[in-house]
Amino acid sequence: MPKKRKSRGRDKGSKGRNEYVTCSQCGARIPRDKAKKVTVRVPLVDAALAKELQAKGAYVPYTVVTKYYCISCAVHFGIVKVRSREERRAEIP
């Protein structure tokens, strides 16, 4: 059977088994090395107010939100793009 991707869609290498994470969108359980991780800084105050405070030179506290997406949700929301056959096999750093 042909191999679609060099890494088989994982970042595992020779580590063995990986723990599971839950997709933030659909709730599917997927291996951590296969999931797409998105980290976003979110201000603790309203976004418009945060922009005004920053313009005046005030400190605006942020919280870091980490989300994991399964591949189908990541493609649907544009986090990863659909690639051609040649691009899928190429190593992308």
C-alpha atoms as a PDB file:
ATOM      1  CA  MET A   1       0.000   0.000   0.000  1.00  0.00           C
ATOM      2  CA  PRO A   2       1.468   3.404  -0.939  1.00  0.00           C
ATOM      3  CA  LYS A   3       2.461   5.902   1.697  1.00  0.00           C
ATOM      4  CA  LYS A   4       0.611   9.209   1.427  1.00  0.00           C
ATOM      5  CA  ARG A   5       2.960  11.155   3.705  1.00  0.00           C
ATOM      6  CA  LYS A   6       6.555  10.567   4.754  1.00  0.00           C
ATOM      7  CA  SER A   7       5.649  10.991   8.427  1.00  0.00           C
ATOM      8  CA  ARG A   8       2.303   9.144   8.092  1.00  0.00           C
ATOM      9  CA  GLY A   9       0.657  12.312   9.404  1.00  0.00           C
ATOM     10  CA  ARG A  10       2.334  12.148  12.817  1.00  0.00           C
ATOM     11  CA  ASP A  11       5.273  13.756  14.602  1.00  0.00           C
ATOM     12  CA  LYS A  12       5.993  10.621  16.584  1.00  0.00           C
ATOM     13  CA  GLY A  13       9.262   9.348  15.167  1.00  0.00           C
ATOM     14  CA  SER A  14      10.176   6.225  17.153  1.00  0.00           C
ATOM     15  CA  LYS A  15       8.603   7.330  20.445  1.00  0.00           C
ATOM     16  CA  GLY A  16       5.929   4.659  20.607  1.00  0.00           C
ATOM     17  CA  ARG A  17       2.513   5.602  21.919  1.00  0.00           C
ATOM     18  CA  ASN A  18       1.379   9.192  22.540  1.00  0.00           C
ATOM     19  CA  GLU A  19      -1.235  10.545  24.917  1.00  0.00           C
ATOM     20  CA  TYR A  20      -4.531  11.815  23.595  1.00  0.00           C
ATOM     21  CA  VAL A  21      -5.911  15.354  23.530  1.00  0.00           C
ATOM     22  CA  THR A  22      -9.450  16.511  22.827  1.00  0.00           C
ATOM     23  CA  CYS A  23     -10.253  18.598  19.762  1.00  0.00           C
ATOM     24  CA  SER A  24     -11.450  22.033  20.868  1.00  0.00           C
ATOM     25  CA  GLN A  25     -14.072  22.148  18.147  1.00  0.00           C
ATOM     26  CA  CYS A  26     -15.629  18.697  17.676  1.00  0.00           C
ATOM     27  CA  GLY A  27     -14.485  16.881  20.819  1.00  0.00           C
ATOM     28  CA  ALA A  28     -12.689  14.047  19.016  1.00  0.00           C
ATOM     29  CA  ARG A  29      -9.825  12.361  20.872  1.00  0.00           C
ATOM     30  CA  ILE A  30      -6.648  12.444  18.803  1.00  0.00           C
ATOM     31  CA  PRO A  31      -2.970  11.729  19.522  1.00  0.00           C
ATOM     32  CA  ARG A  32      -1.085  14.829  20.683  1.00  0.00           C
ATOM     33  CA  ASP A  33       1.521  14.508  17.930  1.00  0.00           C
ATOM     34  CA  LYS A  34      -1.164  14.451  15.226  1.00  0.00           C
ATOM     35  CA  ALA A  35      -3.212  17.355  16.589  1.00  0.00           C
ATOM     36  CA  LYS A  36      -2.659  20.925  15.412  1.00  0.00           C
ATOM     37  CA  LYS A  37      -1.840  23.170  18.369  1.00  0.00           C
ATOM     38  CA  VAL A  38      -2.919  26.827  18.272  1.00  0.00           C
ATOM     39  CA  THR A  39      -1.829  29.253  21.006  1.00  0.00           C
ATOM     40  CA  VAL A  40      -3.541  32.638  21.250  1.00  0.00           C
ATOM     41  CA  ARG A  41      -2.998  35.553  23.661  1.00  0.00           C
ATOM     42  CA  VAL A  42      -6.372  36.908  24.783  1.00  0.00           C
ATOM     43  CA  PRO A  43      -6.672  40.141  26.789  1.00  0.00           C
ATOM     44  CA  LEU A  44      -8.552  39.892  30.094  1.00  0.00           C
ATOM     45  CA  VAL A  45     -10.513  43.046  29.221  1.00  0.00           C
ATOM     46  CA  ASP A  46     -12.608  43.844  26.129  1.00  0.00           C
ATOM     47  CA  ALA A  47     -10.563  43.986  22.913  1.00  0.00           C
ATOM     48  CA  ALA A  48     -11.511  47.592  22.106  1.00  0.00           C
ATOM     49  CA  LEU A  49     -10.700  48.686  25.649  1.00  0.00           C
ATOM     50  CA  ALA A  50      -7.394  46.820  25.540  1.00  0.00           C
ATOM     51  CA  LYS A  51      -6.434  48.668  22.359  1.00  0.00           C
ATOM     52  CA  GLU A  52      -7.238  52.036  23.965  1.00  0.00           C
ATOM     53  CA  LEU A  53      -5.268  51.178  27.105  1.00  0.00           C
ATOM     54  CA  GLN A  54      -2.260  50.111  25.058  1.00  0.00           C
ATOM     55  CA  ALA A  55      -2.391  53.370  23.093  1.00  0.00           C
ATOM     56  CA  LYS A  56      -2.182  55.292  26.375  1.00  0.00           C
ATOM     57  CA  GLY A  57       0.768  53.178  27.519  1.00  0.00           C
ATOM     58  CA  ALA A  58      -1.020  51.123  30.190  1.00  0.00           C
ATOM     59  CA  TYR A  59      -0.235  47.479  30.929  1.00  0.00           C
ATOM     60  CA  VAL A  60      -2.899  45.119  29.594  1.00  0.00           C
ATOM     61  CA  PRO A  61      -2.885  41.619  31.108  1.00  0.00           C
ATOM     62  CA  TYR A  62      -3.219  38.716  28.734  1.00  0.00           C
ATOM     63  CA  THR A  63      -4.029  35.056  29.241  1.00  0.00           C
ATOM     64  CA  VAL A  64      -2.655  32.374  26.949  1.00  0.00           C
ATOM     65  CA  VAL A  65      -5.268  30.040  25.475  1.00  0.00           C
ATOM     66  CA  THR A  66      -4.058  26.798  23.912  1.00  0.00           C
ATOM     67  CA  LYS A  67      -6.382  24.856  21.623  1.00  0.00           C
ATOM     68  CA  TYR A  68      -5.887  21.540  19.874  1.00  0.00           C
ATOM     69  CA  TYR A  69      -7.641  20.767  16.588  1.00  0.00           C
ATOM     70  CA  CYS A  70      -8.096  17.473  14.762  1.00  0.00           C
ATOM     71  CA  ILE A  71      -7.036  17.517  11.114  1.00  0.00           C
ATOM     72  CA  SER A  72     -10.560  17.791   9.713  1.00  0.00           C
ATOM     73  CA  CYS A  73     -11.403  20.790  11.932  1.00  0.00           C
ATOM     74  CA  ALA A  74      -8.021  22.399  11.200  1.00  0.00           C
ATOM     75  CA  VAL A  75      -8.661  22.151   7.451  1.00  0.00           C
ATOM     76  CA  HIS A  76     -12.216  23.456   7.871  1.00  0.00           C
ATOM     77  CA  PHE A  77     -11.091  26.516   9.833  1.00  0.00           C
ATOM     78  CA  GLY A  78      -8.099  27.248   7.585  1.00  0.00           C
ATOM     79  CA  ILE A  79      -5.391  26.436  10.138  1.00  0.00           C
ATOM     80  CA  VAL A  80      -3.802  24.010   7.659  1.00  0.00           C
ATOM     81  CA  LYS A  81      -4.239  24.029   3.892  1.00  0.00           C
ATOM     82  CA  VAL A  82      -4.930  21.169   1.515  1.00  0.00           C
ATOM     83  CA  ARG A  83      -1.662  20.390  -0.281  1.00  0.00           C
ATOM     84  CA  SER A  84      -0.830  18.661  -3.551  1.00  0.00           C
ATOM     85  CA  ARG A  85       0.723  15.197  -3.676  1.00  0.00           C
ATOM     86  CA  GLU A  86       4.254  16.540  -4.159  1.00  0.00           C
ATOM     87  CA  GLU A  87       3.896  19.023  -1.303  1.00  0.00           C
ATOM     88  CA  ARG A  88       2.601  16.350   1.061  1.00  0.00           C
ATOM     89  CA  ARG A  89       5.668  14.184   0.548  1.00  0.00           C
ATOM     90  CA  ALA A  90       8.152  17.057   0.876  1.00  0.00           C
ATOM     91  CA  GLU A  91       9.657  17.827   4.260  1.00  0.00           C
ATOM     92  CA  ILE A  92       8.439  21.190   5.518  1.00  0.00           C
ATOM     93  CA  PRO A  93      10.423  22.623   8.435  1.00  0.00           C
END
